[in-house]
Amino acid sequence: MKRKFALLLAFLLFLRMFTVAAPSTKTIDGSPADWTGTPGPDNTWTVSNGEGIWRDIHNDDTGNGSYVYPNCTHTEPPIPDSKGWEGYAYAYTGYPGGGRRGGGMVDLKEFRVTADSSHLYILLRFENMGSRVIAIAWNKPVIIPEREDTFGKILAQVYIDKDRVPGSGRMDATMLGNFRIAPECAWEAVIDVAGDLLRGFPRVQLADGTTYYHNKSTDCYANCDIYPSAIEMRVPFSEIGDPRGKIWRFIVVVGGFDEGLWRQVWNITFAKELGWPPLFRFIGGEGGDNWSPGGYGNDPNIIDMAFTASKAEQEALLNSFSSLVVINKYRDVYFSSNGDISATGPVGGFIAPLDKLALMAPWIALVVVATTVASVVYRRKHITKTI
């Protein structure tokens, strides 16, 4: 009887050690209801309910401090909401008073990340993406049925340094981003989140140039009609790699999107000469009507970003117009063995001991079971010979 109990106990231990907690699978529907973590104060990183959460401060979507949204004006009286070529008003975009709820369309409010057994999940929240009819696309904000779920005015990029080896990946910004990535954050993958079905966004690009295009109806969804606005995206491990049990380094930057590229921040004088704000332009930078390399000037086109300690620190980082800004504000994110984000994982750059034990659990269980079985067999043979 004792031998049977020992075998049963070993078998149950074997099953238990193969069992891990339920992963943080998210439904890609534009609703953050299944993102249940609680964020911390502004400009802080928090781990809650298996999610890594960056809470960004409100009203810091000003680039170097002087960037201005298109429906703001330096003239008196203020010019109303700007319009595109077709004459449709781009309401609900920026300061002052451009939104139903106030706030700017690329004012990052939250960045969240987690994973399950097969996908990396990302949630981006913005202070005010505007109404769906206005926010669906930048140059053609209407009435094209196949583009109803696009969100073309916003570009968010998530750069991922998977090995955290300085200089081992790429340091250029994709899509003519007017900045560079610091060597200590050299990336192996970048996720481009933008709403433009005609150009295949959103997408995942690897350092070797391999590119994966995603279906918005299943892999990425924007919801402009909630507050704060939300964009969800998932990326399969088959594209980006498996982060479980690893520490990945993240950079998150956001700005405007235009014809498949970062939208320039225009020189004020040049923008006014060409008709601003009726032509939808961010201003306060050095750019102009030139999308070729070098045509942007040196100012970064980043309107907002994650992982700076304050608005003042962000503005100082983005205020170098003498040469391309090097982005070095990142967050190391530890993924536990089931994909959840852990607050205690990185210990001296190594996997936390308890989670390392969890990763080894199947082998430990196998040894326990094998030892128990061998012991029982030996005892049976010994008792038989004795009798």
Protein backbone atom coordinates (compact mmCIF):
# COMPACT_ATOMS: atom_id res chain seq x y z
CA MET A 1 0.00 0.00 0.00
CA LYS A 2 2.83 2.37 0.87
CA ARG A 3 4.56 1.60 -2.42
CA LYS A 4 1.38 2.46 -4.38
CA PHE A 5 1.01 5.67 -2.44
CA ALA A 6 4.62 6.59 -3.18
CA LEU A 7 4.09 5.98 -6.91
CA LEU A 8 0.88 8.02 -6.91
CA LEU A 9 2.57 10.86 -5.05
CA ALA A 10 5.47 10.88 -7.48
CA PHE A 11 3.08 10.91 -10.44
CA LEU A 12 1.08 13.82 -8.99
CA LEU A 13 4.31 15.71 -8.35
CA PHE A 14 5.31 15.08 -11.94
CA LEU A 15 2.03 16.54 -13.24
CA ARG A 16 2.14 19.47 -10.83
CA MET A 17 5.64 20.51 -11.83
CA PHE A 18 4.67 20.55 -15.47
CA THR A 19 1.75 22.85 -14.63
CA VAL A 20 2.28 26.61 -14.69
CA ALA A 21 -0.06 29.47 -13.93
CA ALA A 22 -2.51 30.54 -16.62
CA PRO A 23 -0.77 32.88 -19.09
CA SER A 24 -1.89 36.45 -19.73
CA THR A 25 -3.70 35.87 -23.02
CA LYS A 26 -5.43 39.02 -24.29
CA THR A 27 -8.30 39.39 -26.73
CA ILE A 28 -7.42 41.80 -29.55
CA ASP A 29 -10.62 43.82 -29.73
CA GLY A 30 -9.62 47.37 -28.77
CA SER A 31 -10.99 46.93 -25.27
CA PRO A 32 -8.53 47.08 -22.37
CA ALA A 33 -10.98 45.28 -20.07
CA ASP A 34 -8.81 42.16 -19.96
CA TRP A 35 -5.72 44.20 -19.09
CA THR A 36 -6.30 44.08 -15.35
CA GLY A 37 -3.03 45.44 -13.96
CA THR A 38 -3.09 48.63 -11.90
CA PRO A 39 -0.69 51.38 -13.04
CA GLY A 40 1.43 53.41 -10.67
CA PRO A 41 1.97 57.19 -10.59
CA ASP A 42 2.93 59.19 -13.67
CA ASN A 43 6.31 58.42 -15.25
CA THR A 44 6.75 55.15 -13.35
CA TRP A 45 7.05 51.47 -14.27
CA THR A 46 4.80 49.05 -12.41
CA VAL A 47 4.29 45.28 -12.56
CA SER A 48 0.73 44.23 -11.76
CA ASN A 49 -1.27 41.09 -12.57
CA GLY A 50 1.42 39.80 -14.88
CA GLU A 51 1.59 43.03 -16.92
CA GLY A 52 4.43 45.51 -17.22
CA ILE A 53 2.91 49.00 -17.17
CA TRP A 54 4.50 52.34 -18.00
CA ARG A 55 2.29 55.26 -16.94
CA ASP A 56 3.20 58.38 -18.91
CA ILE A 57 2.52 61.89 -17.71
CA HIS A 58 -0.27 63.90 -19.37
CA ASN A 59 0.43 66.86 -21.68
CA ASP A 60 4.04 66.05 -22.53
CA ASP A 61 3.37 65.53 -26.26
CA THR A 62 5.44 68.57 -27.20
CA GLY A 63 8.67 67.01 -28.44
CA ASN A 64 11.45 69.38 -27.41
CA GLY A 65 8.91 71.67 -25.78
CA SER A 66 8.20 73.84 -28.81
CA TYR A 67 6.42 71.38 -31.12
CA VAL A 68 2.90 72.48 -31.93
CA TYR A 69 -0.09 70.50 -33.18
CA PRO A 70 -1.62 71.47 -36.53
CA ASN A 71 -4.78 73.00 -35.12
CA CYS A 72 -2.85 75.28 -32.81
CA THR A 73 -1.75 78.62 -34.16
CA HIS A 74 0.67 81.43 -33.55
CA THR A 75 -1.79 83.94 -34.95
CA GLU A 76 -4.70 85.84 -33.45
CA PRO A 77 -7.52 85.06 -33.67
CA PRO A 78 -6.75 81.32 -33.62
CA ILE A 79 -7.37 79.44 -36.84
CA PRO A 80 -10.02 76.71 -36.44
CA ASP A 81 -9.29 73.02 -36.67
CA SER A 82 -7.11 72.34 -39.67
CA LYS A 83 -8.35 70.58 -42.78
CA GLY A 84 -6.90 68.14 -45.25
CA TRP A 85 -6.82 68.42 -49.01
CA GLU A 86 -10.41 67.18 -49.22
CA GLY A 87 -11.68 69.83 -46.82
CA TYR A 88 -12.58 67.51 -43.96
CA ALA A 89 -11.84 69.04 -40.56
CA TYR A 90 -9.22 67.27 -38.51
CA ALA A 91 -10.88 67.94 -35.20
CA TYR A 92 -9.92 66.28 -31.93
CA THR A 93 -6.21 66.37 -32.53
CA GLY A 94 -4.29 68.60 -30.16
CA TYR A 95 -4.00 71.65 -27.99
CA PRO A 96 -5.64 73.99 -27.33
CA GLY A 97 -9.17 72.64 -27.14
CA GLY A 98 -8.80 70.32 -30.09
CA GLY A 99 -10.31 67.27 -28.46
CA ARG A 100 -13.63 66.20 -27.18
CA ARG A 101 -11.85 65.50 -23.92
CA GLY A 102 -8.85 67.73 -24.44
CA GLY A 103 -5.40 66.35 -24.92
CA GLY A 104 -3.42 65.45 -27.95
CA MET A 105 -3.80 62.53 -30.31
CA VAL A 106 -0.23 61.29 -29.72
CA ASP A 107 -0.11 62.04 -26.00
CA LEU A 108 1.00 58.62 -24.78
CA LYS A 109 -0.77 57.65 -21.58
CA GLU A 110 0.19 54.00 -21.09
CA PHE A 111 2.38 51.30 -22.53
CA ARG A 112 1.67 47.76 -21.37
CA VAL A 113 3.30 44.48 -22.31
CA THR A 114 2.85 40.81 -21.44
CA ALA A 115 2.96 37.41 -23.11
CA ASP A 116 1.40 33.97 -23.01
CA SER A 117 2.61 30.66 -24.41
CA SER A 118 2.61 31.83 -28.04
CA HIS A 119 2.26 35.63 -28.39
CA LEU A 120 3.70 38.92 -27.19
CA TYR A 121 0.91 41.41 -26.34
CA ILE A 122 1.15 45.20 -26.38
CA LEU A 123 -1.37 47.83 -25.28
CA LEU A 124 -0.86 51.50 -26.13
CA ARG A 125 -3.20 54.11 -24.67
CA PHE A 126 -3.40 57.74 -25.78
CA GLU A 127 -4.99 60.73 -24.15
CA ASN A 128 -7.19 61.41 -27.14
CA MET A 129 -7.04 59.77 -30.57
CA GLY A 130 -10.27 61.54 -31.48
CA SER A 131 -13.47 60.25 -33.00
CA ARG A 132 -13.28 57.26 -35.33
CA VAL A 133 -14.41 59.21 -38.39
CA ILE A 134 -11.68 61.78 -37.91
CA ALA A 135 -8.93 59.49 -36.63
CA ILE A 136 -9.24 56.70 -39.15
CA ALA A 137 -6.64 58.07 -41.53
CA TRP A 138 -4.42 61.06 -41.99
CA ASN A 139 -4.77 62.13 -45.60
CA LYS A 140 -8.17 60.59 -46.31
CA PRO A 141 -10.19 60.56 -43.08
CA VAL A 142 -13.33 59.16 -44.75
CA ILE A 143 -15.39 57.16 -46.07
CA ILE A 144 -13.58 54.21 -47.47
CA PRO A 145 -15.20 51.07 -46.04
CA GLU A 146 -12.06 48.96 -46.13
CA ARG A 147 -10.26 51.57 -44.00
CA GLU A 148 -12.86 52.02 -41.30
CA ASP A 149 -10.64 50.54 -38.61
CA THR A 150 -7.45 52.36 -39.52
CA PHE A 151 -5.81 54.95 -37.31
CA GLY A 152 -3.41 56.55 -39.69
CA LYS A 153 -2.51 59.74 -37.89
CA ILE A 154 -0.56 57.99 -35.15
CA LEU A 155 2.72 56.13 -35.46
CA ALA A 156 4.04 54.20 -32.47
CA GLN A 157 7.27 52.25 -32.62
CA VAL A 158 8.42 49.66 -30.11
CA TYR A 159 12.13 48.84 -30.47
CA ILE A 160 13.24 45.59 -28.78
CA ASP A 161 16.78 44.71 -27.79
CA LYS A 162 16.53 40.99 -27.12
CA ASP A 163 20.10 40.22 -26.06
CA ARG A 164 21.08 43.52 -24.33
CA VAL A 165 24.57 43.26 -25.80
CA PRO A 166 25.75 46.80 -26.71
CA GLY A 167 26.03 47.31 -30.45
CA SER A 168 24.91 43.79 -31.35
CA GLY A 169 21.81 44.89 -33.26
CA ARG A 170 20.76 47.87 -35.37
CA MET A 171 20.82 51.47 -34.21
CA ASP A 172 18.99 53.18 -37.07
CA ALA A 173 15.38 54.32 -36.85
CA THR A 174 13.09 52.75 -39.42
CA MET A 175 10.64 54.61 -41.68
CA LEU A 176 12.95 57.65 -41.91
CA GLY A 177 12.69 58.30 -38.21
CA ASN A 178 14.89 61.31 -37.53
CA PHE A 179 16.77 59.82 -34.58
CA ARG A 180 19.06 56.94 -33.67
CA ILE A 181 18.95 54.20 -31.04
CA ALA A 182 21.73 54.10 -28.45
CA PRO A 183 24.27 51.25 -28.76
CA GLU A 184 23.22 49.81 -25.39
CA CYS A 185 19.72 49.39 -26.85
CA ALA A 186 20.66 48.16 -30.33
CA TRP A 187 17.58 46.40 -31.59
CA GLU A 188 16.83 42.99 -33.02
CA ALA A 189 13.15 43.75 -33.71
CA VAL A 190 10.87 46.76 -34.11
CA ILE A 191 7.09 46.82 -34.05
CA ASP A 192 5.54 49.58 -36.17
CA VAL A 193 1.98 50.35 -35.08
CA ALA A 194 0.17 52.62 -37.52
CA GLY A 195 -3.14 52.55 -39.33
CA ASP A 196 -2.58 52.30 -43.04
CA LEU A 197 -4.00 49.27 -44.78
CA LEU A 198 -2.70 50.42 -48.15
CA ARG A 199 0.92 50.13 -46.93
CA GLY A 200 0.58 47.05 -44.79
CA PHE A 201 0.93 48.50 -41.32
CA PRO A 202 1.11 47.40 -38.57
CA ARG A 203 4.18 45.28 -39.06
CA VAL A 204 7.14 43.61 -37.39
CA GLN A 205 10.62 44.14 -38.81
CA LEU A 206 13.71 42.19 -37.75
CA ALA A 207 17.28 43.47 -37.82
CA ASP A 208 18.08 41.33 -40.86
CA GLY A 209 15.29 43.02 -42.83
CA THR A 210 12.73 40.23 -42.52
CA THR A 211 9.30 41.87 -42.34
CA TYR A 212 5.92 40.52 -41.25
CA TYR A 213 2.69 42.36 -42.04
CA HIS A 214 -0.31 42.01 -39.78
CA ASN A 215 -4.06 41.86 -40.18
CA LYS A 216 -5.74 44.60 -38.19
CA SER A 217 -8.93 42.65 -37.63
CA THR A 218 -7.13 39.83 -35.80
CA ASP A 219 -3.71 41.07 -34.70
CA CYS A 220 -4.18 44.79 -34.05
CA TYR A 221 -7.18 46.91 -33.18
CA ALA A 222 -7.65 50.60 -32.39
CA ASN A 223 -10.50 52.00 -30.35
CA CYS A 224 -10.88 55.77 -30.65
CA ASP A 225 -14.25 55.86 -28.91
CA ILE A 226 -13.12 55.17 -25.35
CA TYR A 227 -11.08 57.23 -22.94
CA PRO A 228 -8.17 56.91 -23.00
CA SER A 229 -8.03 55.69 -26.58
CA ALA A 230 -6.50 52.24 -27.01
CA ILE A 231 -4.50 50.24 -29.54
CA GLU A 232 -3.89 46.54 -28.91
CA MET A 233 -1.49 44.33 -30.83
CA ARG A 234 -0.19 40.78 -30.62
CA VAL A 235 2.91 39.30 -32.26
CA PRO A 236 3.51 35.53 -32.49
CA PHE A 237 6.73 34.07 -31.13
CA SER A 238 7.32 32.57 -34.57
CA GLU A 239 8.09 36.11 -35.78
CA ILE A 240 9.72 37.81 -32.86
CA GLY A 241 11.10 34.99 -30.71
CA ASP A 242 10.08 33.57 -27.35
CA PRO A 243 10.66 36.00 -24.45
CA ARG A 244 9.76 33.59 -21.64
CA GLY A 245 12.42 33.35 -19.00
CA LYS A 246 14.33 36.24 -20.60
CA ILE A 247 14.94 39.93 -20.14
CA TRP A 248 14.12 42.08 -23.16
CA ARG A 249 14.89 45.80 -23.43
CA PHE A 250 12.15 48.10 -24.79
CA ILE A 251 12.12 51.61 -26.28
CA VAL A 252 8.75 53.22 -27.11
CA VAL A 253 8.42 56.38 -29.23
CA VAL A 254 5.35 57.98 -30.86
CA GLY A 255 4.68 60.68 -33.42
CA GLY A 256 2.75 61.46 -36.59
CA PHE A 257 2.34 59.13 -39.56
CA ASP A 258 2.35 60.18 -43.19
CA GLU A 259 2.43 58.07 -46.36
CA GLY A 260 4.14 55.15 -44.64
CA LEU A 261 6.81 57.28 -42.91
CA TRP A 262 7.32 59.37 -39.81
CA ARG A 263 5.55 62.71 -40.28
CA GLN A 264 7.99 65.58 -40.25
CA VAL A 265 7.92 68.42 -37.78
CA TRP A 266 8.06 71.41 -40.10
CA ASN A 267 9.97 74.64 -39.95
CA ILE A 268 7.46 77.29 -38.83
CA THR A 269 8.20 79.80 -41.60
CA PHE A 270 8.13 77.21 -44.36
CA ALA A 271 4.92 75.67 -43.07
CA LYS A 272 3.13 79.01 -43.01
CA GLU A 273 4.27 79.81 -46.54
CA LEU A 274 2.68 76.59 -47.77
CA GLY A 275 -0.52 77.14 -45.84
CA TRP A 276 -0.58 76.10 -42.24
CA PRO A 277 -2.52 74.85 -40.35
CA PRO A 278 -5.02 73.98 -43.13
CA LEU A 279 -2.32 71.66 -44.46
CA PHE A 280 -1.99 69.25 -41.57
CA ARG A 281 1.53 69.86 -40.22
CA PHE A 282 3.25 69.62 -36.89
CA ILE A 283 5.56 72.62 -36.60
CA GLY A 284 8.47 73.73 -34.43
CA GLY A 285 11.18 71.64 -36.05
CA GLU A 286 13.42 71.92 -39.10
CA GLY A 287 11.64 69.77 -41.67
CA GLY A 288 10.02 70.74 -44.92
CA ASP A 289 8.45 69.29 -48.02
CA ASN A 290 11.18 66.72 -48.49
CA TRP A 291 10.90 63.08 -47.46
CA SER A 292 14.33 62.03 -48.68
CA PRO A 293 17.09 61.22 -46.16
CA GLY A 294 18.40 64.48 -44.77
CA GLY A 295 15.30 66.40 -45.83
CA TYR A 296 13.93 66.42 -42.31
CA GLY A 297 16.74 68.49 -40.83
CA ASN A 298 18.19 67.17 -37.58
CA ASP A 299 15.21 67.62 -35.28
CA PRO A 300 13.67 64.36 -34.07
CA ASN A 301 10.11 63.72 -35.20
CA ILE A 302 9.23 62.17 -31.85
CA ILE A 303 6.27 63.90 -30.20
CA ASP A 304 6.13 61.74 -27.07
CA MET A 305 7.98 58.74 -25.66
CA ALA A 306 8.10 56.37 -22.71
CA PHE A 307 10.59 55.85 -19.90
CA THR A 308 11.77 59.40 -19.24
CA ALA A 309 11.68 60.53 -15.62
CA SER A 310 9.86 63.78 -16.37
CA LYS A 311 8.58 66.05 -19.12
CA ALA A 312 11.66 68.24 -18.64
CA GLU A 313 13.99 65.27 -19.17
CA GLN A 314 12.11 64.27 -22.32
CA GLU A 315 12.24 67.80 -23.76
CA ALA A 316 15.97 68.07 -23.01
CA LEU A 317 16.68 64.76 -24.75
CA LEU A 318 14.70 65.77 -27.86
CA ASN A 319 16.14 69.28 -28.05
CA SER A 320 19.39 68.52 -29.88
CA PHE A 321 19.03 69.89 -33.42
CA SER A 322 22.77 69.97 -34.16
CA SER A 323 22.86 66.21 -34.84
CA LEU A 324 20.46 63.31 -34.73
CA VAL A 325 19.18 62.58 -31.24
CA VAL A 326 20.27 59.26 -29.74
CA ILE A 327 17.42 57.63 -27.82
CA ASN A 328 18.70 55.90 -24.70
CA LYS A 329 15.61 55.77 -22.49
CA TYR A 330 14.59 52.15 -22.15
CA ARG A 331 13.01 49.62 -19.83
CA ASP A 332 14.32 46.14 -19.13
CA VAL A 333 11.33 43.78 -18.97
CA TYR A 334 11.58 40.34 -17.40
CA PHE A 335 9.24 37.62 -18.70
CA SER A 336 8.58 34.74 -16.35
CA SER A 337 8.38 31.13 -17.52
CA ASN A 338 4.68 31.45 -18.45
CA GLY A 339 4.97 34.86 -20.14
CA ASP A 340 3.82 37.06 -17.28
CA ILE A 341 5.94 40.08 -16.42
CA SER A 342 7.85 39.75 -13.16
CA ALA A 343 8.90 42.56 -10.87
CA THR A 344 11.65 40.50 -9.21
CA GLY A 345 13.11 38.62 -12.16
CA PRO A 346 16.26 40.53 -13.06
CA VAL A 347 18.80 39.78 -10.34
CA GLY A 348 22.26 40.83 -11.46
CA GLY A 349 21.21 40.19 -15.05
CA PHE A 350 20.33 36.57 -14.35
CA ILE A 351 17.03 34.75 -14.21
CA ALA A 352 15.49 34.83 -10.75
CA PRO A 353 16.25 31.63 -8.83
CA LEU A 354 12.61 30.67 -8.28
CA ASP A 355 11.71 31.12 -11.91
CA LYS A 356 14.85 29.31 -12.98
CA LEU A 357 13.65 26.45 -10.82
CA ALA A 358 10.28 26.61 -12.59
CA LEU A 359 12.00 26.33 -15.96
CA MET A 360 13.88 23.27 -14.70
CA ALA A 361 10.77 21.74 -13.14
CA PRO A 362 10.08 19.11 -15.83
CA TRP A 363 13.59 17.71 -15.54
CA ILE A 364 13.50 17.77 -11.75
CA ALA A 365 10.15 15.99 -11.82
CA LEU A 366 11.50 13.38 -14.22
CA VAL A 367 14.42 12.66 -11.90
CA VAL A 368 12.09 12.39 -8.89
CA VAL A 369 9.76 9.98 -10.67
CA ALA A 370 12.62 7.87 -12.03
CA THR A 371 14.25 7.67 -8.61
CA THR A 372 10.99 6.68 -6.94
CA VAL A 373 10.24 3.99 -9.52
CA ALA A 374 13.76 2.61 -9.27
CA SER A 375 13.49 2.49 -5.49
CA VAL A 376 10.20 0.60 -5.61
CA VAL A 377 11.54 -1.90 -8.16
CA TYR A 378 14.66 -2.47 -6.08
CA ARG A 379 12.64 -2.98 -2.88
CA ARG A 380 10.39 -5.52 -4.65
CA LYS A 381 13.35 -7.49 -5.95
CA HIS A 382 15.11 -7.36 -2.58
CA ILE A 383 12.04 -8.54 -0.68
CA THR A 384 11.45 -11.35 -3.22
CA LYS A 385 15.02 -12.61 -2.91
CA THR A 386 14.84 -12.46 0.89
CA ILE A 387 11.68 -14.57 0.93
